[in-house]
PDBML (XML) file of the C-alpha atoms, coordinates in Angstrom:
<?xml version="1.0" encoding="UTF-8" ?>
<PDBx:datablock datablockName="MODEL"
   xmlns:PDBx="http://pdbml.pdb.org/schema/pdbx-v50.xsd"
   xmlns:xsi="http://www.w3.org/2001/XMLSchema-instance"
   xsi:schemaLocation="http://pdbml.pdb.org/schema/pdbx-v50.xsd pdbx-v50.xsd">
   <PDBx:atom_siteCategory>
      <PDBx:atom_site id="1">
         <PDBx:B_iso_or_equiv>0.00</PDBx:B_iso_or_equiv>
         <PDBx:Cartn_x>98.319</PDBx:Cartn_x>
         <PDBx:Cartn_y>68.926</PDBx:Cartn_y>
         <PDBx:Cartn_z>116.226</PDBx:Cartn_z>
         <PDBx:auth_asym_id>A</PDBx:auth_asym_id>
         <PDBx:auth_atom_id>CA</PDBx:auth_atom_id>
         <PDBx:auth_comp_id>UNK</PDBx:auth_comp_id>
         <PDBx:auth_seq_id>1</PDBx:auth_seq_id>
         <PDBx:group_PDB>ATOM</PDBx:group_PDB>
         <PDBx:label_alt_id xsi:nil="true" />
         <PDBx:label_asym_id>A</PDBx:label_asym_id>
         <PDBx:label_atom_id>CA</PDBx:label_atom_id>
         <PDBx:label_comp_id>UNK</PDBx:label_comp_id>
         <PDBx:label_entity_id>1</PDBx:label_entity_id>
         <PDBx:label_seq_id>1</PDBx:label_seq_id>
         <PDBx:occupancy>1.00</PDBx:occupancy>
         <PDBx:pdbx_PDB_model_num>1</PDBx:pdbx_PDB_model_num>
         <PDBx:type_symbol>C</PDBx:type_symbol>
      </PDBx:atom_site>
      <PDBx:atom_site id="2">
         <PDBx:B_iso_or_equiv>0.00</PDBx:B_iso_or_equiv>
         <PDBx:Cartn_x>96.045</PDBx:Cartn_x>
         <PDBx:Cartn_y>71.166</PDBx:Cartn_y>
         <PDBx:Cartn_z>114.135</PDBx:Cartn_z>
         <PDBx:auth_asym_id>A</PDBx:auth_asym_id>
         <PDBx:auth_atom_id>CA</PDBx:auth_atom_id>
         <PDBx:auth_comp_id>UNK</PDBx:auth_comp_id>
         <PDBx:auth_seq_id>2</PDBx:auth_seq_id>
         <PDBx:group_PDB>ATOM</PDBx:group_PDB>
         <PDBx:label_alt_id xsi:nil="true" />
         <PDBx:label_asym_id>A</PDBx:label_asym_id>
         <PDBx:label_atom_id>CA</PDBx:label_atom_id>
         <PDBx:label_comp_id>UNK</PDBx:label_comp_id>
         <PDBx:label_entity_id>1</PDBx:label_entity_id>
         <PDBx:label_seq_id>2</PDBx:label_seq_id>
         <PDBx:occupancy>1.00</PDBx:occupancy>
         <PDBx:pdbx_PDB_model_num>1</PDBx:pdbx_PDB_model_num>
         <PDBx:type_symbol>C</PDBx:type_symbol>
      </PDBx:atom_site>
      <PDBx:atom_site id="3">
         <PDBx:B_iso_or_equiv>0.00</PDBx:B_iso_or_equiv>
         <PDBx:Cartn_x>96.514</PDBx:Cartn_x>
         <PDBx:Cartn_y>74.959</PDBx:Cartn_y>
         <PDBx:Cartn_z>114.264</PDBx:Cartn_z>
         <PDBx:auth_asym_id>A</PDBx:auth_asym_id>
         <PDBx:auth_atom_id>CA</PDBx:auth_atom_id>
         <PDBx:auth_comp_id>UNK</PDBx:auth_comp_id>
         <PDBx:auth_seq_id>3</PDBx:auth_seq_id>
         <PDBx:group_PDB>ATOM</PDBx:group_PDB>
         <PDBx:label_alt_id xsi:nil="true" />
         <PDBx:label_asym_id>A</PDBx:label_asym_id>
         <PDBx:label_atom_id>CA</PDBx:label_atom_id>
         <PDBx:label_comp_id>UNK</PDBx:label_comp_id>
         <PDBx:label_entity_id>1</PDBx:label_entity_id>
         <PDBx:label_seq_id>3</PDBx:label_seq_id>
         <PDBx:occupancy>1.00</PDBx:occupancy>
         <PDBx:pdbx_PDB_model_num>1</PDBx:pdbx_PDB_model_num>
         <PDBx:type_symbol>C</PDBx:type_symbol>
      </PDBx:atom_site>
      <PDBx:atom_site id="4">
         <PDBx:B_iso_or_equiv>0.00</PDBx:B_iso_or_equiv>
         <PDBx:Cartn_x>93.873</PDBx:Cartn_x>
         <PDBx:Cartn_y>77.169</PDBx:Cartn_y>
         <PDBx:Cartn_z>112.667</PDBx:Cartn_z>
         <PDBx:auth_asym_id>A</PDBx:auth_asym_id>
         <PDBx:auth_atom_id>CA</PDBx:auth_atom_id>
         <PDBx:auth_comp_id>UNK</PDBx:auth_comp_id>
         <PDBx:auth_seq_id>4</PDBx:auth_seq_id>
         <PDBx:group_PDB>ATOM</PDBx:group_PDB>
         <PDBx:label_alt_id xsi:nil="true" />
         <PDBx:label_asym_id>A</PDBx:label_asym_id>
         <PDBx:label_atom_id>CA</PDBx:label_atom_id>
         <PDBx:label_comp_id>UNK</PDBx:label_comp_id>
         <PDBx:label_entity_id>1</PDBx:label_entity_id>
         <PDBx:label_seq_id>4</PDBx:label_seq_id>
         <PDBx:occupancy>1.00</PDBx:occupancy>
         <PDBx:pdbx_PDB_model_num>1</PDBx:pdbx_PDB_model_num>
         <PDBx:type_symbol>C</PDBx:type_symbol>
      </PDBx:atom_site>
      <PDBx:atom_site id="5">
         <PDBx:B_iso_or_equiv>0.00</PDBx:B_iso_or_equiv>
         <PDBx:Cartn_x>94.488</PDBx:Cartn_x>
         <PDBx:Cartn_y>80.628</PDBx:Cartn_y>
         <PDBx:Cartn_z>111.255</PDBx:Cartn_z>
         <PDBx:auth_asym_id>A</PDBx:auth_asym_id>
         <PDBx:auth_atom_id>CA</PDBx:auth_atom_id>
         <PDBx:auth_comp_id>UNK</PDBx:auth_comp_id>
         <PDBx:auth_seq_id>5</PDBx:auth_seq_id>
         <PDBx:group_PDB>ATOM</PDBx:group_PDB>
         <PDBx:label_alt_id xsi:nil="true" />
         <PDBx:label_asym_id>A</PDBx:label_asym_id>
         <PDBx:label_atom_id>CA</PDBx:label_atom_id>
         <PDBx:label_comp_id>UNK</PDBx:label_comp_id>
         <PDBx:label_entity_id>1</PDBx:label_entity_id>
         <PDBx:label_seq_id>5</PDBx:label_seq_id>
         <PDBx:occupancy>1.00</PDBx:occupancy>
         <PDBx:pdbx_PDB_model_num>1</PDBx:pdbx_PDB_model_num>
         <PDBx:type_symbol>C</PDBx:type_symbol>
      </PDBx:atom_site>
      <PDBx:atom_site id="6">
         <PDBx:B_iso_or_equiv>0.00</PDBx:B_iso_or_equiv>
         <PDBx:Cartn_x>91.159</PDBx:Cartn_x>
         <PDBx:Cartn_y>82.385</PDBx:Cartn_y>
         <PDBx:Cartn_z>110.681</PDBx:Cartn_z>
         <PDBx:auth_asym_id>A</PDBx:auth_asym_id>
         <PDBx:auth_atom_id>CA</PDBx:auth_atom_id>
         <PDBx:auth_comp_id>UNK</PDBx:auth_comp_id>
         <PDBx:auth_seq_id>6</PDBx:auth_seq_id>
         <PDBx:group_PDB>ATOM</PDBx:group_PDB>
         <PDBx:label_alt_id xsi:nil="true" />
         <PDBx:label_asym_id>A</PDBx:label_asym_id>
         <PDBx:label_atom_id>CA</PDBx:label_atom_id>
         <PDBx:label_comp_id>UNK</PDBx:label_comp_id>
         <PDBx:label_entity_id>1</PDBx:label_entity_id>
         <PDBx:label_seq_id>6</PDBx:label_seq_id>
         <PDBx:occupancy>1.00</PDBx:occupancy>
         <PDBx:pdbx_PDB_model_num>1</PDBx:pdbx_PDB_model_num>
         <PDBx:type_symbol>C</PDBx:type_symbol>
      </PDBx:atom_site>
      <PDBx:atom_site id="7">
         <PDBx:B_iso_or_equiv>0.00</PDBx:B_iso_or_equiv>
         <PDBx:Cartn_x>88.409</PDBx:Cartn_x>
         <PDBx:Cartn_y>81.686</PDBx:Cartn_y>
         <PDBx:Cartn_z>113.203</PDBx:Cartn_z>
         <PDBx:auth_asym_id>A</PDBx:auth_asym_id>
         <PDBx:auth_atom_id>CA</PDBx:auth_atom_id>
         <PDBx:auth_comp_id>UNK</PDBx:auth_comp_id>
         <PDBx:auth_seq_id>7</PDBx:auth_seq_id>
         <PDBx:group_PDB>ATOM</PDBx:group_PDB>
         <PDBx:label_alt_id xsi:nil="true" />
         <PDBx:label_asym_id>A</PDBx:label_asym_id>
         <PDBx:label_atom_id>CA</PDBx:label_atom_id>
         <PDBx:label_comp_id>UNK</PDBx:label_comp_id>
         <PDBx:label_entity_id>1</PDBx:label_entity_id>
         <PDBx:label_seq_id>7</PDBx:label_seq_id>
         <PDBx:occupancy>1.00</PDBx:occupancy>
         <PDBx:pdbx_PDB_model_num>1</PDBx:pdbx_PDB_model_num>
         <PDBx:type_symbol>C</PDBx:type_symbol>
      </PDBx:atom_site>
      <PDBx:atom_site id="8">
         <PDBx:B_iso_or_equiv>0.00</PDBx:B_iso_or_equiv>
         <PDBx:Cartn_x>85.921</PDBx:Cartn_x>
         <PDBx:Cartn_y>79.072</PDBx:Cartn_y>
         <PDBx:Cartn_z>112.042</PDBx:Cartn_z>
         <PDBx:auth_asym_id>A</PDBx:auth_asym_id>
         <PDBx:auth_atom_id>CA</PDBx:auth_atom_id>
         <PDBx:auth_comp_id>UNK</PDBx:auth_comp_id>
         <PDBx:auth_seq_id>8</PDBx:auth_seq_id>
         <PDBx:group_PDB>ATOM</PDBx:group_PDB>
         <PDBx:label_alt_id xsi:nil="true" />
         <PDBx:label_asym_id>A</PDBx:label_asym_id>
         <PDBx:label_atom_id>CA</PDBx:label_atom_id>
         <PDBx:label_comp_id>UNK</PDBx:label_comp_id>
         <PDBx:label_entity_id>1</PDBx:label_entity_id>
         <PDBx:label_seq_id>8</PDBx:label_seq_id>
         <PDBx:occupancy>1.00</PDBx:occupancy>
         <PDBx:pdbx_PDB_model_num>1</PDBx:pdbx_PDB_model_num>
         <PDBx:type_symbol>C</PDBx:type_symbol>
      </PDBx:atom_site>
      <PDBx:atom_site id="9">
         <PDBx:B_iso_or_equiv>0.00</PDBx:B_iso_or_equiv>
         <PDBx:Cartn_x>84.097</PDBx:Cartn_x>
         <PDBx:Cartn_y>80.937</PDBx:Cartn_y>
         <PDBx:Cartn_z>109.277</PDBx:Cartn_z>
         <PDBx:auth_asym_id>A</PDBx:auth_asym_id>
         <PDBx:auth_atom_id>CA</PDBx:auth_atom_id>
         <PDBx:auth_comp_id>UNK</PDBx:auth_comp_id>
         <PDBx:auth_seq_id>9</PDBx:auth_seq_id>
         <PDBx:group_PDB>ATOM</PDBx:group_PDB>
         <PDBx:label_alt_id xsi:nil="true" />
         <PDBx:label_asym_id>A</PDBx:label_asym_id>
         <PDBx:label_atom_id>CA</PDBx:label_atom_id>
         <PDBx:label_comp_id>UNK</PDBx:label_comp_id>
         <PDBx:label_entity_id>1</PDBx:label_entity_id>
         <PDBx:label_seq_id>9</PDBx:label_seq_id>
         <PDBx:occupancy>1.00</PDBx:occupancy>
         <PDBx:pdbx_PDB_model_num>1</PDBx:pdbx_PDB_model_num>
         <PDBx:type_symbol>C</PDBx:type_symbol>
      </PDBx:atom_site>
      <PDBx:atom_site id="10">
         <PDBx:B_iso_or_equiv>0.00</PDBx:B_iso_or_equiv>
         <PDBx:Cartn_x>83.202</PDBx:Cartn_x>
         <PDBx:Cartn_y>80.912</PDBx:Cartn_y>
         <PDBx:Cartn_z>105.576</PDBx:Cartn_z>
         <PDBx:auth_asym_id>A</PDBx:auth_asym_id>
         <PDBx:auth_atom_id>CA</PDBx:auth_atom_id>
         <PDBx:auth_comp_id>UNK</PDBx:auth_comp_id>
         <PDBx:auth_seq_id>10</PDBx:auth_seq_id>
         <PDBx:group_PDB>ATOM</PDBx:group_PDB>
         <PDBx:label_alt_id xsi:nil="true" />
         <PDBx:label_asym_id>A</PDBx:label_asym_id>
         <PDBx:label_atom_id>CA</PDBx:label_atom_id>
         <PDBx:label_comp_id>UNK</PDBx:label_comp_id>
         <PDBx:label_entity_id>1</PDBx:label_entity_id>
         <PDBx:label_seq_id>10</PDBx:label_seq_id>
         <PDBx:occupancy>1.00</PDBx:occupancy>
         <PDBx:pdbx_PDB_model_num>1</PDBx:pdbx_PDB_model_num>
         <PDBx:type_symbol>C</PDBx:type_symbol>
      </PDBx:atom_site>
      <PDBx:atom_site id="11">
         <PDBx:B_iso_or_equiv>0.00</PDBx:B_iso_or_equiv>
         <PDBx:Cartn_x>86.395</PDBx:Cartn_x>
         <PDBx:Cartn_y>82.614</PDBx:Cartn_y>
         <PDBx:Cartn_z>104.356</PDBx:Cartn_z>
         <PDBx:auth_asym_id>A</PDBx:auth_asym_id>
         <PDBx:auth_atom_id>CA</PDBx:auth_atom_id>
         <PDBx:auth_comp_id>UNK</PDBx:auth_comp_id>
         <PDBx:auth_seq_id>11</PDBx:auth_seq_id>
         <PDBx:group_PDB>ATOM</PDBx:group_PDB>
         <PDBx:label_alt_id xsi:nil="true" />
         <PDBx:label_asym_id>A</PDBx:label_asym_id>
         <PDBx:label_atom_id>CA</PDBx:label_atom_id>
         <PDBx:label_comp_id>UNK</PDBx:label_comp_id>
         <PDBx:label_entity_id>1</PDBx:label_entity_id>
         <PDBx:label_seq_id>11</PDBx:label_seq_id>
         <PDBx:occupancy>1.00</PDBx:occupancy>
         <PDBx:pdbx_PDB_model_num>1</PDBx:pdbx_PDB_model_num>
         <PDBx:type_symbol>C</PDBx:type_symbol>
      </PDBx:atom_site>
      <PDBx:atom_site id="12">
         <PDBx:B_iso_or_equiv>0.00</PDBx:B_iso_or_equiv>
         <PDBx:Cartn_x>86.079</PDBx:Cartn_x>
         <PDBx:Cartn_y>81.196</PDBx:Cartn_y>
         <PDBx:Cartn_z>100.820</PDBx:Cartn_z>
         <PDBx:auth_asym_id>A</PDBx:auth_asym_id>
         <PDBx:auth_atom_id>CA</PDBx:auth_atom_id>
         <PDBx:auth_comp_id>UNK</PDBx:auth_comp_id>
         <PDBx:auth_seq_id>12</PDBx:auth_seq_id>
         <PDBx:group_PDB>ATOM</PDBx:group_PDB>
         <PDBx:label_alt_id xsi:nil="true" />
         <PDBx:label_asym_id>A</PDBx:label_asym_id>
         <PDBx:label_atom_id>CA</PDBx:label_atom_id>
         <PDBx:label_comp_id>UNK</PDBx:label_comp_id>
         <PDBx:label_entity_id>1</PDBx:label_entity_id>
         <PDBx:label_seq_id>12</PDBx:label_seq_id>
         <PDBx:occupancy>1.00</PDBx:occupancy>
         <PDBx:pdbx_PDB_model_num>1</PDBx:pdbx_PDB_model_num>
         <PDBx:type_symbol>C</PDBx:type_symbol>
      </PDBx:atom_site>
      <PDBx:atom_site id="13">
         <PDBx:B_iso_or_equiv>0.00</PDBx:B_iso_or_equiv>
         <PDBx:Cartn_x>82.302</PDBx:Cartn_x>
         <PDBx:Cartn_y>81.457</PDBx:Cartn_y>
         <PDBx:Cartn_z>100.341</PDBx:Cartn_z>
         <PDBx:auth_asym_id>A</PDBx:auth_asym_id>
         <PDBx:auth_atom_id>CA</PDBx:auth_atom_id>
         <PDBx:auth_comp_id>UNK</PDBx:auth_comp_id>
         <PDBx:auth_seq_id>13</PDBx:auth_seq_id>
         <PDBx:group_PDB>ATOM</PDBx:group_PDB>
         <PDBx:label_alt_id xsi:nil="true" />
         <PDBx:label_asym_id>A</PDBx:label_asym_id>
         <PDBx:label_atom_id>CA</PDBx:label_atom_id>
         <PDBx:label_comp_id>UNK</PDBx:label_comp_id>
         <PDBx:label_entity_id>1</PDBx:label_entity_id>
         <PDBx:label_seq_id>13</PDBx:label_seq_id>
         <PDBx:occupancy>1.00</PDBx:occupancy>
         <PDBx:pdbx_PDB_model_num>1</PDBx:pdbx_PDB_model_num>
         <PDBx:type_symbol>C</PDBx:type_symbol>
      </PDBx:atom_site>
      <PDBx:atom_site id="14">
         <PDBx:B_iso_or_equiv>0.00</PDBx:B_iso_or_equiv>
         <PDBx:Cartn_x>81.484</PDBx:Cartn_x>
         <PDBx:Cartn_y>84.384</PDBx:Cartn_y>
         <PDBx:Cartn_z>97.991</PDBx:Cartn_z>
         <PDBx:auth_asym_id>A</PDBx:auth_asym_id>
         <PDBx:auth_atom_id>CA</PDBx:auth_atom_id>
         <PDBx:auth_comp_id>UNK</PDBx:auth_comp_id>
         <PDBx:auth_seq_id>14</PDBx:auth_seq_id>
         <PDBx:group_PDB>ATOM</PDBx:group_PDB>
         <PDBx:label_alt_id xsi:nil="true" />
         <PDBx:label_asym_id>A</PDBx:label_asym_id>
         <PDBx:label_atom_id>CA</PDBx:label_atom_id>
         <PDBx:label_comp_id>UNK</PDBx:label_comp_id>
         <PDBx:label_entity_id>1</PDBx:label_entity_id>
         <PDBx:label_seq_id>14</PDBx:label_seq_id>
         <PDBx:occupancy>1.00</PDBx:occupancy>
         <PDBx:pdbx_PDB_model_num>1</PDBx:pdbx_PDB_model_num>
         <PDBx:type_symbol>C</PDBx:type_symbol>
      </PDBx:atom_site>
      <PDBx:atom_site id="15">
         <PDBx:B_iso_or_equiv>0.00</PDBx:B_iso_or_equiv>
         <PDBx:Cartn_x>77.760</PDBx:Cartn_x>
         <PDBx:Cartn_y>84.032</PDBx:Cartn_y>
         <PDBx:Cartn_z>98.777</PDBx:Cartn_z>
         <PDBx:auth_asym_id>A</PDBx:auth_asym_id>
         <PDBx:auth_atom_id>CA</PDBx:auth_atom_id>
         <PDBx:auth_comp_id>UNK</PDBx:auth_comp_id>
         <PDBx:auth_seq_id>15</PDBx:auth_seq_id>
         <PDBx:group_PDB>ATOM</PDBx:group_PDB>
         <PDBx:label_alt_id xsi:nil="true" />
         <PDBx:label_asym_id>A</PDBx:label_asym_id>
         <PDBx:label_atom_id>CA</PDBx:label_atom_id>
         <PDBx:label_comp_id>UNK</PDBx:label_comp_id>
         <PDBx:label_entity_id>1</PDBx:label_entity_id>
         <PDBx:label_seq_id>15</PDBx:label_seq_id>
         <PDBx:occupancy>1.00</PDBx:occupancy>
         <PDBx:pdbx_PDB_model_num>1</PDBx:pdbx_PDB_model_num>
         <PDBx:type_symbol>C</PDBx:type_symbol>
      </PDBx:atom_site>
      <PDBx:atom_site id="16">
         <PDBx:B_iso_or_equiv>0.00</PDBx:B_iso_or_equiv>
         <PDBx:Cartn_x>78.012</PDBx:Cartn_x>
         <PDBx:Cartn_y>83.894</PDBx:Cartn_y>
         <PDBx:Cartn_z>102.549</PDBx:Cartn_z>
         <PDBx:auth_asym_id>A</PDBx:auth_asym_id>
         <PDBx:auth_atom_id>CA</PDBx:auth_atom_id>
         <PDBx:auth_comp_id>UNK</PDBx:auth_comp_id>
         <PDBx:auth_seq_id>16</PDBx:auth_seq_id>
         <PDBx:group_PDB>ATOM</PDBx:group_PDB>
         <PDBx:label_alt_id xsi:nil="true" />
         <PDBx:label_asym_id>A</PDBx:label_asym_id>
         <PDBx:label_atom_id>CA</PDBx:label_atom_id>
         <PDBx:label_comp_id>UNK</PDBx:label_comp_id>
         <PDBx:label_entity_id>1</PDBx:label_entity_id>
         <PDBx:label_seq_id>16</PDBx:label_seq_id>
         <PDBx:occupancy>1.00</PDBx:occupancy>
         <PDBx:pdbx_PDB_model_num>1</PDBx:pdbx_PDB_model_num>
         <PDBx:type_symbol>C</PDBx:type_symbol>
      </PDBx:atom_site>
      <PDBx:atom_site id="17">
         <PDBx:B_iso_or_equiv>0.00</PDBx:B_iso_or_equiv>
         <PDBx:Cartn_x>76.097</PDBx:Cartn_x>
         <PDBx:Cartn_y>86.368</PDBx:Cartn_y>
         <PDBx:Cartn_z>104.692</PDBx:Cartn_z>
         <PDBx:auth_asym_id>A</PDBx:auth_asym_id>
         <PDBx:auth_atom_id>CA</PDBx:auth_atom_id>
         <PDBx:auth_comp_id>UNK</PDBx:auth_comp_id>
         <PDBx:auth_seq_id>17</PDBx:auth_seq_id>
         <PDBx:group_PDB>ATOM</PDBx:group_PDB>
         <PDBx:label_alt_id xsi:nil="true" />
         <PDBx:label_asym_id>A</PDBx:label_asym_id>
         <PDBx:label_atom_id>CA</PDBx:label_atom_id>
         <PDBx:label_comp_id>UNK</PDBx:label_comp_id>
         <PDBx:label_entity_id>1</PDBx:label_entity_id>
         <PDBx:label_seq_id>17</PDBx:label_seq_id>
         <PDBx:occupancy>1.00</PDBx:occupancy>
         <PDBx:pdbx_PDB_model_num>1</PDBx:pdbx_PDB_model_num>
         <PDBx:type_symbol>C</PDBx:type_symbol>
      </PDBx:atom_site>
      <PDBx:atom_site id="18">
         <PDBx:B_iso_or_equiv>0.00</PDBx:B_iso_or_equiv>
         <PDBx:Cartn_x>77.834</PDBx:Cartn_x>
         <PDBx:Cartn_y>85.236</PDBx:Cartn_y>
         <PDBx:Cartn_z>107.856</PDBx:Cartn_z>
         <PDBx:auth_asym_id>A</PDBx:auth_asym_id>
         <PDBx:auth_atom_id>CA</PDBx:auth_atom_id>
         <PDBx:auth_comp_id>UNK</PDBx:auth_comp_id>
         <PDBx:auth_seq_id>18</PDBx:auth_seq_id>
         <PDBx:group_PDB>ATOM</PDBx:group_PDB>
         <PDBx:label_alt_id xsi:nil="true" />
         <PDBx:label_asym_id>A</PDBx:label_asym_id>
         <PDBx:label_atom_id>CA</PDBx:label_atom_id>
         <PDBx:label_comp_id>UNK</PDBx:label_comp_id>
         <PDBx:label_entity_id>1</PDBx:label_entity_id>
         <PDBx:label_seq_id>18</PDBx:label_seq_id>
         <PDBx:occupancy>1.00</PDBx:occupancy>
         <PDBx:pdbx_PDB_model_num>1</PDBx:pdbx_PDB_model_num>
         <PDBx:type_symbol>C</PDBx:type_symbol>
      </PDBx:atom_site>
      <PDBx:atom_site id="19">
         <PDBx:B_iso_or_equiv>0.00</PDBx:B_iso_or_equiv>
         <PDBx:Cartn_x>80.201</PDBx:Cartn_x>
         <PDBx:Cartn_y>87.321</PDBx:Cartn_y>
         <PDBx:Cartn_z>109.936</PDBx:Cartn_z>
         <PDBx:auth_asym_id>A</PDBx:auth_asym_id>
         <PDBx:auth_atom_id>CA</PDBx:auth_atom_id>
         <PDBx:auth_comp_id>UNK</PDBx:auth_comp_id>
         <PDBx:auth_seq_id>19</PDBx:auth_seq_id>
         <PDBx:group_PDB>ATOM</PDBx:group_PDB>
         <PDBx:label_alt_id xsi:nil="true" />
         <PDBx:label_asym_id>A</PDBx:label_asym_id>
         <PDBx:label_atom_id>CA</PDBx:label_atom_id>
         <PDBx:label_comp_id>UNK</PDBx:label_comp_id>
         <PDBx:label_entity_id>1</PDBx:label_entity_id>
         <PDBx:label_seq_id>19</PDBx:label_seq_id>
         <PDBx:occupancy>1.00</PDBx:occupancy>
         <PDBx:pdbx_PDB_model_num>1</PDBx:pdbx_PDB_model_num>
         <PDBx:type_symbol>C</PDBx:type_symbol>
      </PDBx:atom_site>
      <PDBx:atom_site id="20">
         <PDBx:B_iso_or_equiv>0.00</PDBx:B_iso_or_equiv>
         <PDBx:Cartn_x>83.943</PDBx:Cartn_x>
         <PDBx:Cartn_y>87.233</PDBx:Cartn_y>
         <PDBx:Cartn_z>109.260</PDBx:Cartn_z>
         <PDBx:auth_asym_id>A</PDBx:auth_asym_id>
         <PDBx:auth_atom_id>CA</PDBx:auth_atom_id>
         <PDBx:auth_comp_id>UNK</PDBx:auth_comp_id>
         <PDBx:auth_seq_id>20</PDBx:auth_seq_id>
         <PDBx:group_PDB>ATOM</PDBx:group_PDB>
         <PDBx:label_alt_id xsi:nil="true" />
         <PDBx:label_asym_id>A</PDBx:label_asym_id>
         <PDBx:label_atom_id>CA</PDBx:label_atom_id>
         <PDBx:label_comp_id>UNK</PDBx:label_comp_id>
         <PDBx:label_entity_id>1</PDBx:label_entity_id>
         <PDBx:label_seq_id>20</PDBx:label_seq_id>
         <PDBx:occupancy>1.00</PDBx:occupancy>
         <PDBx:pdbx_PDB_model_num>1</PDBx:pdbx_PDB_model_num>
         <PDBx:type_symbol>C</PDBx:type_symbol>
      </PDBx:atom_site>
      <PDBx:atom_site id="21">
         <PDBx:B_iso_or_equiv>0.00</PDBx:B_iso_or_equiv>
         <PDBx:Cartn_x>86.726</PDBx:Cartn_x>
         <PDBx:Cartn_y>89.327</PDBx:Cartn_y>
         <PDBx:Cartn_z>110.713</PDBx:Cartn_z>
         <PDBx:auth_asym_id>A</PDBx:auth_asym_id>
         <PDBx:auth_atom_id>CA</PDBx:auth_atom_id>
         <PDBx:auth_comp_id>UNK</PDBx:auth_comp_id>
         <PDBx:auth_seq_id>21</PDBx:auth_seq_id>
         <PDBx:group_PDB>ATOM</PDBx:group_PDB>
         <PDBx:label_alt_id xsi:nil="true" />
         <PDBx:label_asym_id>A</PDBx:label_asym_id>
         <PDBx:label_atom_id>CA</PDBx:label_atom_id>
         <PDBx:label_comp_id>UNK</PDBx:label_comp_id>
         <PDBx:label_entity_id>1</PDBx:label_entity_id>
         <PDBx:label_seq_id>21</PDBx:label_seq_id>
         <PDBx:occupancy>1.00</PDBx:occupancy>
         <PDBx:pdbx_PDB_model_num>1</PDBx:pdbx_PDB_model_num>
         <PDBx:type_symbol>C</PDBx:type_symbol>
      </PDBx:atom_site>
      <PDBx:atom_site id="22">
         <PDBx:B_iso_or_equiv>0.00</PDBx:B_iso_or_equiv>
         <PDBx:Cartn_x>90.457</PDBx:Cartn_x>
         <PDBx:Cartn_y>89.937</PDBx:Cartn_y>
         <PDBx:Cartn_z>110.697</PDBx:Cartn_z>
         <PDBx:auth_asym_id>A</PDBx:auth_asym_id>
         <PDBx:auth_atom_id>CA</PDBx:auth_atom_id>
         <PDBx:auth_comp_id>UNK</PDBx:auth_comp_id>
         <PDBx:auth_seq_id>22</PDBx:auth_seq_id>
         <PDBx:group_PDB>ATOM</PDBx:group_PDB>
         <PDBx:label_alt_id xsi:nil="true" />
         <PDBx:label_asym_id>A</PDBx:label_asym_id>
         <PDBx:label_atom_id>CA</PDBx:label_atom_id>
         <PDBx:label_comp_id>UNK</PDBx:label_comp_id>
         <PDBx:label_entity_id>1</PDBx:label_entity_id>
         <PDBx:label_seq_id>22</PDBx:label_seq_id>
         <PDBx:occupancy>1.00</PDBx:occupancy>
         <PDBx:pdbx_PDB_model_num>1</PDBx:pdbx_PDB_model_num>
         <PDBx:type_symbol>C</PDBx:type_symbol>
      </PDBx:atom_site>
      <PDBx:atom_site id="23">
         <PDBx:B_iso_or_equiv>0.00</PDBx:B_iso_or_equiv>
         <PDBx:Cartn_x>93.022</PDBx:Cartn_x>
         <PDBx:Cartn_y>90.094</PDBx:Cartn_y>
         <PDBx:Cartn_z>113.483</PDBx:Cartn_z>
         <PDBx:auth_asym_id>A</PDBx:auth_asym_id>
         <PDBx:auth_atom_id>CA</PDBx:auth_atom_id>
         <PDBx:auth_comp_id>UNK</PDBx:auth_comp_id>
         <PDBx:auth_seq_id>23</PDBx:auth_seq_id>
         <PDBx:group_PDB>ATOM</PDBx:group_PDB>
         <PDBx:label_alt_id xsi:nil="true" />
         <PDBx:label_asym_id>A</PDBx:label_asym_id>
         <PDBx:label_atom_id>CA</PDBx:label_atom_id>
         <PDBx:label_comp_id>UNK</PDBx:label_comp_id>
         <PDBx:label_entity_id>1</PDBx:label_entity_id>
         <PDBx:label_seq_id>23</PDBx:label_seq_id>
         <PDBx:occupancy>1.00</PDBx:occupancy>
         <PDBx:pdbx_PDB_model_num>1</PDBx:pdbx_PDB_model_num>
         <PDBx:type_symbol>C</PDBx:type_symbol>
      </PDBx:atom_site>
      <PDBx:atom_site id="24">
         <PDBx:B_iso_or_equiv>0.00</PDBx:B_iso_or_equiv>
         <PDBx:Cartn_x>92.159</PDBx:Cartn_x>
         <PDBx:Cartn_y>92.536</PDBx:Cartn_y>
         <PDBx:Cartn_z>116.264</PDBx:Cartn_z>
         <PDBx:auth_asym_id>A</PDBx:auth_asym_id>
         <PDBx:auth_atom_id>CA</PDBx:auth_atom_id>
         <PDBx:auth_comp_id>UNK</PDBx:auth_comp_id>
         <PDBx:auth_seq_id>24</PDBx:auth_seq_id>
         <PDBx:group_PDB>ATOM</PDBx:group_PDB>
         <PDBx:label_alt_id xsi:nil="true" />
         <PDBx:label_asym_id>A</PDBx:label_asym_id>
         <PDBx:label_atom_id>CA</PDBx:label_atom_id>
         <PDBx:label_comp_id>UNK</PDBx:label_comp_id>
         <PDBx:label_entity_id>1</PDBx:label_entity_id>
         <PDBx:label_seq_id>24</PDBx:label_seq_id>
         <PDBx:occupancy>1.00</PDBx:occupancy>
         <PDBx:pdbx_PDB_model_num>1</PDBx:pdbx_PDB_model_num>
         <PDBx:type_symbol>C</PDBx:type_symbol>
      </PDBx:atom_site>
      <PDBx:atom_site id="25">
         <PDBx:B_iso_or_equiv>0.00</PDBx:B_iso_or_equiv>
         <PDBx:Cartn_x>95.786</PDBx:Cartn_x>
         <PDBx:Cartn_y>93.670</PDBx:Cartn_y>
         <PDBx:Cartn_z>116.545</PDBx:Cartn_z>
         <PDBx:auth_asym_id>A</PDBx:auth_asym_id>
         <PDBx:auth_atom_id>CA</PDBx:auth_atom_id>
         <PDBx:auth_comp_id>UNK</PDBx:auth_comp_id>
         <PDBx:auth_seq_id>25</PDBx:auth_seq_id>
         <PDBx:group_PDB>ATOM</PDBx:group_PDB>
         <PDBx:label_alt_id xsi:nil="true" />
         <PDBx:label_asym_id>A</PDBx:label_asym_id>
         <PDBx:label_atom_id>CA</PDBx:label_atom_id>
         <PDBx:label_comp_id>UNK</PDBx:label_comp_id>
         <PDBx:label_entity_id>1</PDBx:label_entity_id>
         <PDBx:label_seq_id>25</PDBx:label_seq_id>
         <PDBx:occupancy>1.00</PDBx:occupancy>
         <PDBx:pdbx_PDB_model_num>1</PDBx:pdbx_PDB_model_num>
         <PDBx:type_symbol>C</PDBx:type_symbol>
      </PDBx:atom_site>
   </PDBx:atom_siteCategory>
</PDBx:datablock>
């Protein structure tokens, strides 16, 4: 079983221009 925390996104990329977000509640 694999449980992910953040949605699939470039959390650790300081040069990323993609969209990231936090929890909605």
